[in-house]
Amino acid sequence: MKITKILGFIFLVLLGSCGSLKQTANLQQTEKKLAEEYRKYYGVPYRFGGVDSNGFDCSGFVQTVYRDAFQIILPRTVKEMAKVGSKISKSRIKIGDLVFFRPSRKYRHVGIYVGNNQFMHSSTSQGIIKSDLDNVYWAKKYKFSRRILKK
C-alpha cells in the first residue's frame, strides 16, 4: 500500500516535470533563434519603412524576425502589432514577447524581449541593437507587452 502511494507520487512528480522540461526546451529554442537573428542583423542601420538588411524601422525588424525565426506573419505597423497575441504584465515577460513603448505622442516603438532584462530593436541612432528595459529612457517610455508565441 505504501509503495503504491510512493510510486504514484513519483509518477505525478515526473509527469508534472515533463511539462516544465518541454517549456524550458521551447524557451531555449526561442532564445537560440532570436540570438541567430540578432547576430544576422546586429548593426544594420535604421531606415524608416525598412524591412530588410538594407535598413529596418522597428516594426519592420520585428516583423522580419518573427517571419524568419518562427514562421509567424505579424502586421506591418506597431499600432497593428499591439493588437496581436495576449497582453501580459511586465513582471511576466518571457523571451520572445513583444515590448511596446511610446517615445512621444506621435511615435510608437516595438522590440523583442531576449532575456536578462534586455530587448532587441531598431534604434534610430544605432540600428539593430539590444537595450535594457531599465534604462532610464526606456523605463519611462515602456507601455505594455504582448505574448505572441505559445510557451
C-alpha atoms as a PDB file:
ATOM      1  CA  MET A   1       0.000   0.000   0.000  1.00  0.00           C
ATOM      2  CA  LYS A   2       2.751   2.457   0.962  1.00  0.00           C
ATOM      3  CA  ILE A   3       4.833   1.513  -2.069  1.00  0.00           C
ATOM      4  CA  THR A   4       1.852   2.123  -4.357  1.00  0.00           C
ATOM      5  CA  LYS A   5       1.372   5.616  -2.883  1.00  0.00           C
ATOM      6  CA  ILE A   6       5.072   6.384  -3.214  1.00  0.00           C
ATOM      7  CA  LEU A   7       5.163   5.184  -6.839  1.00  0.00           C
ATOM      8  CA  GLY A   8       2.009   7.183  -7.576  1.00  0.00           C
ATOM      9  CA  PHE A   9       3.610  10.284  -6.078  1.00  0.00           C
ATOM     10  CA  ILE A  10       6.807   9.770  -8.083  1.00  0.00           C
ATOM     11  CA  PHE A  11       4.737   9.304 -11.251  1.00  0.00           C
ATOM     12  CA  LEU A  12       2.858  12.571 -10.622  1.00  0.00           C
ATOM     13  CA  VAL A  13       6.108  14.446  -9.973  1.00  0.00           C
ATOM     14  CA  LEU A  14       7.655  13.083 -13.173  1.00  0.00           C
ATOM     15  CA  LEU A  15       4.520  13.826 -15.156  1.00  0.00           C
ATOM     16  CA  GLY A  16       4.463  17.396 -13.869  1.00  0.00           C
ATOM     17  CA  SER A  17       8.123  17.918 -14.651  1.00  0.00           C
ATOM     18  CA  CYS A  18       7.648  16.802 -18.268  1.00  0.00           C
ATOM     19  CA  GLY A  19       5.621  19.936 -18.942  1.00  0.00           C
ATOM     20  CA  SER A  20       8.299  22.056 -17.268  1.00  0.00           C
ATOM     21  CA  LEU A  21      11.042  20.385 -19.283  1.00  0.00           C
ATOM     22  CA  LYS A  22       9.115  20.928 -22.522  1.00  0.00           C
ATOM     23  CA  GLN A  23       8.513  24.572 -21.579  1.00  0.00           C
ATOM     24  CA  THR A  24      12.222  25.042 -20.806  1.00  0.00           C
ATOM     25  CA  ALA A  25      13.216  23.414 -24.107  1.00  0.00           C
ATOM     26  CA  ASN A  26      10.790  25.681 -26.009  1.00  0.00           C
ATOM     27  CA  LEU A  27      12.212  28.780 -24.310  1.00  0.00           C
ATOM     28  CA  GLN A  28      15.769  27.689 -25.075  1.00  0.00           C
ATOM     29  CA  GLN A  29      14.837  27.096 -28.719  1.00  0.00           C
ATOM     30  CA  THR A  30      13.203  30.540 -28.883  1.00  0.00           C
ATOM     31  CA  GLU A  31      16.282  32.125 -27.290  1.00  0.00           C
ATOM     32  CA  LYS A  32      18.556  30.371 -29.799  1.00  0.00           C
ATOM     33  CA  LYS A  33      16.501  31.507 -32.801  1.00  0.00           C
ATOM     34  CA  LEU A  34      16.393  35.093 -31.567  1.00  0.00           C
ATOM     35  CA  ALA A  35      20.158  35.074 -30.957  1.00  0.00           C
ATOM     36  CA  GLU A  36      20.703  33.897 -34.552  1.00  0.00           C
ATOM     37  CA  GLU A  37      18.503  36.687 -35.903  1.00  0.00           C
ATOM     38  CA  TYR A  38      20.285  39.246 -33.750  1.00  0.00           C
ATOM     39  CA  ARG A  39      23.719  38.124 -34.993  1.00  0.00           C
ATOM     40  CA  LYS A  40      22.455  38.300 -38.561  1.00  0.00           C
ATOM     41  CA  TYR A  41      21.147  41.857 -38.244  1.00  0.00           C
ATOM     42  CA  TYR A  42      23.233  43.482 -35.499  1.00  0.00           C
ATOM     43  CA  GLY A  43      24.255  46.968 -36.598  1.00  0.00           C
ATOM     44  CA  VAL A  44      22.000  47.131 -39.656  1.00  0.00           C
ATOM     45  CA  PRO A  45      21.023  50.811 -39.809  1.00  0.00           C
ATOM     46  CA  TYR A  46      17.640  52.307 -39.072  1.00  0.00           C
ATOM     47  CA  ARG A  47      15.606  53.178 -42.153  1.00  0.00           C
ATOM     48  CA  PHE A  48      12.049  54.468 -41.965  1.00  0.00           C
ATOM     49  CA  GLY A  49       9.823  51.913 -43.707  1.00  0.00           C
ATOM     50  CA  GLY A  50      12.745  49.462 -43.901  1.00  0.00           C
ATOM     51  CA  VAL A  51      12.056  45.733 -43.876  1.00  0.00           C
ATOM     52  CA  ASP A  52      15.383  44.144 -44.856  1.00  0.00           C
ATOM     53  CA  SER A  53      19.138  44.143 -44.268  1.00  0.00           C
ATOM     54  CA  ASN A  54      19.464  47.474 -46.108  1.00  0.00           C
ATOM     55  CA  GLY A  55      17.746  49.044 -43.111  1.00  0.00           C
ATOM     56  CA  PHE A  56      14.891  48.434 -40.692  1.00  0.00           C
ATOM     57  CA  ASP A  57      12.405  50.503 -38.815  1.00  0.00           C
ATOM     58  CA  CYS A  58      11.287  48.950 -35.516  1.00  0.00           C
ATOM     59  CA  SER A  59       8.187  47.162 -36.785  1.00  0.00           C
ATOM     60  CA  GLY A  60       9.927  46.018 -39.964  1.00  0.00           C
ATOM     61  CA  PHE A  61      12.635  44.406 -37.845  1.00  0.00           C
ATOM     62  CA  VAL A  62      10.155  42.677 -35.515  1.00  0.00           C
ATOM     63  CA  GLN A  63       8.056  41.512 -38.451  1.00  0.00           C
ATOM     64  CA  THR A  64      11.126  40.083 -40.242  1.00  0.00           C
ATOM     65  CA  VAL A  65      12.461  38.295 -37.147  1.00  0.00           C
ATOM     66  CA  TYR A  66       9.113  36.680 -36.380  1.00  0.00           C
ATOM     67  CA  ARG A  67       8.676  35.601 -40.000  1.00  0.00           C
ATOM     68  CA  ASP A  68      12.177  34.142 -40.329  1.00  0.00           C
ATOM     69  CA  ALA A  69      12.583  32.626 -36.861  1.00  0.00           C
ATOM     70  CA  PHE A  70       9.055  31.431 -36.122  1.00  0.00           C
ATOM     71  CA  GLN A  71       7.193  31.470 -39.460  1.00  0.00           C
ATOM     72  CA  ILE A  72       4.669  33.893 -37.931  1.00  0.00           C
ATOM     73  CA  ILE A  73       3.402  36.769 -40.025  1.00  0.00           C
ATOM     74  CA  LEU A  74       2.826  39.875 -37.931  1.00  0.00           C
ATOM     75  CA  PRO A  75       1.135  43.066 -39.089  1.00  0.00           C
ATOM     76  CA  ARG A  76       3.422  45.736 -40.536  1.00  0.00           C
ATOM     77  CA  THR A  77       2.802  48.597 -38.098  1.00  0.00           C
ATOM     78  CA  VAL A  78       3.402  48.965 -34.369  1.00  0.00           C
ATOM     79  CA  LYS A  79      -0.213  50.030 -33.920  1.00  0.00           C
ATOM     80  CA  GLU A  80      -1.477  46.808 -35.512  1.00  0.00           C
ATOM     81  CA  MET A  81       1.122  44.603 -33.758  1.00  0.00           C
ATOM     82  CA  ALA A  82      -0.184  45.972 -30.468  1.00  0.00           C
ATOM     83  CA  LYS A  83      -3.468  44.146 -31.108  1.00  0.00           C
ATOM     84  CA  VAL A  84      -1.973  40.676 -31.723  1.00  0.00           C
ATOM     85  CA  GLY A  85      -1.477  37.989 -29.081  1.00  0.00           C
ATOM     86  CA  SER A  86      -2.286  38.451 -25.429  1.00  0.00           C
ATOM     87  CA  LYS A  87      -1.369  41.352 -23.205  1.00  0.00           C
ATOM     88  CA  ILE A  88       0.903  40.424 -20.296  1.00  0.00           C
ATOM     89  CA  SER A  89       2.275  42.300 -17.322  1.00  0.00           C
ATOM     90  CA  LYS A  90       5.876  43.455 -17.337  1.00  0.00           C
ATOM     91  CA  SER A  91       6.628  41.071 -14.479  1.00  0.00           C
ATOM     92  CA  ARG A  92       5.595  38.085 -16.649  1.00  0.00           C
ATOM     93  CA  ILE A  93       7.679  38.895 -19.753  1.00  0.00           C
ATOM     94  CA  LYS A  94       9.420  35.903 -21.327  1.00  0.00           C
ATOM     95  CA  ILE A  95      11.881  35.544 -24.156  1.00  0.00           C
ATOM     96  CA  GLY A  96      10.174  36.270 -27.464  1.00  0.00           C
ATOM     97  CA  ASP A  97       7.484  38.582 -26.075  1.00  0.00           C
ATOM     98  CA  LEU A  98       6.954  41.935 -27.760  1.00  0.00           C
ATOM     99  CA  VAL A  99       7.613  45.068 -25.710  1.00  0.00           C
ATOM    100  CA  PHE A 100       5.910  48.330 -26.651  1.00  0.00           C
ATOM    101  CA  PHE A 101       6.960  51.891 -25.937  1.00  0.00           C
ATOM    102  CA  ARG A 102       5.615  55.376 -26.563  1.00  0.00           C
ATOM    103  CA  PRO A 103       8.670  57.617 -27.100  1.00  0.00           C
ATOM    104  CA  SER A 104       6.459  60.608 -27.947  1.00  0.00           C
ATOM    105  CA  ARG A 105       2.839  61.450 -28.649  1.00  0.00           C
ATOM    106  CA  LYS A 106       3.493  60.926 -32.341  1.00  0.00           C
ATOM    107  CA  TYR A 107       5.649  57.783 -32.295  1.00  0.00           C
ATOM    108  CA  ARG A 108       5.308  54.213 -31.082  1.00  0.00           C
ATOM    109  CA  HIS A 109       8.135  51.706 -30.768  1.00  0.00           C
ATOM    110  CA  VAL A 110       8.347  47.904 -30.523  1.00  0.00           C
ATOM    111  CA  GLY A 111      11.096  45.412 -29.714  1.00  0.00           C
ATOM    112  CA  ILE A 112      11.503  41.736 -28.817  1.00  0.00           C
ATOM    113  CA  TYR A 113      12.404  40.663 -25.280  1.00  0.00           C
ATOM    114  CA  VAL A 114      15.542  38.459 -25.314  1.00  0.00           C
ATOM    115  CA  GLY A 115      16.060  37.786 -21.598  1.00  0.00           C
ATOM    116  CA  ASN A 116      18.275  39.316 -18.926  1.00  0.00           C
ATOM    117  CA  ASN A 117      16.032  42.395 -18.915  1.00  0.00           C
ATOM    118  CA  GLN A 118      17.042  43.234 -22.500  1.00  0.00           C
ATOM    119  CA  PHE A 119      15.175  43.659 -25.756  1.00  0.00           C
ATOM    120  CA  MET A 120      16.398  43.852 -29.337  1.00  0.00           C
ATOM    121  CA  HIS A 121      15.093  46.556 -31.610  1.00  0.00           C
ATOM    122  CA  SER A 122      15.894  49.028 -34.348  1.00  0.00           C
ATOM    123  CA  SER A 123      17.257  52.208 -32.806  1.00  0.00           C
ATOM    124  CA  THR A 124      17.063  55.357 -34.931  1.00  0.00           C
ATOM    125  CA  SER A 125      20.610  56.286 -33.912  1.00  0.00           C
ATOM    126  CA  GLN A 126      22.356  52.888 -33.721  1.00  0.00           C
ATOM    127  CA  GLY A 127      20.391  50.480 -35.892  1.00  0.00           C
ATOM    128  CA  ILE A 128      19.763  46.964 -34.622  1.00  0.00           C
ATOM    129  CA  ILE A 129      20.904  46.756 -31.002  1.00  0.00           C
ATOM    130  CA  LYS A 130      19.929  45.405 -27.600  1.00  0.00           C
ATOM    131  CA  SER A 131      18.796  47.787 -24.885  1.00  0.00           C
ATOM    132  CA  ASP A 132      17.992  47.383 -21.209  1.00  0.00           C
ATOM    133  CA  LEU A 133      14.359  47.712 -20.147  1.00  0.00           C
ATOM    134  CA  ASP A 134      15.526  49.522 -17.005  1.00  0.00           C
ATOM    135  CA  ASN A 135      17.490  52.105 -18.987  1.00  0.00           C
ATOM    136  CA  VAL A 136      16.234  55.496 -17.773  1.00  0.00           C
ATOM    137  CA  TYR A 137      14.889  56.399 -21.212  1.00  0.00           C
ATOM    138  CA  TRP A 138      13.144  53.090 -21.983  1.00  0.00           C
ATOM    139  CA  ALA A 139      11.766  52.593 -18.477  1.00  0.00           C
ATOM    140  CA  LYS A 140       9.891  55.910 -18.766  1.00  0.00           C
ATOM    141  CA  LYS A 141       8.590  55.103 -22.252  1.00  0.00           C
ATOM    142  CA  TYR A 142       7.501  51.474 -21.613  1.00  0.00           C
ATOM    143  CA  LYS A 143       3.753  50.926 -22.122  1.00  0.00           C
ATOM    144  CA  PHE A 144       2.952  47.193 -22.250  1.00  0.00           C
ATOM    145  CA  SER A 145       3.979  43.745 -23.519  1.00  0.00           C
ATOM    146  CA  ARG A 146       2.243  41.132 -25.617  1.00  0.00           C
ATOM    147  CA  ARG A 147       2.814  37.390 -25.977  1.00  0.00           C
ATOM    148  CA  ILE A 148       2.620  36.014 -29.490  1.00  0.00           C
ATOM    149  CA  LEU A 149       4.453  32.708 -29.070  1.00  0.00           C
ATOM    150  CA  LYS A 150       2.859  29.900 -27.085  1.00  0.00           C
ATOM    151  CA  LYS A 151       5.059  28.982 -24.150  1.00  0.00           C
END
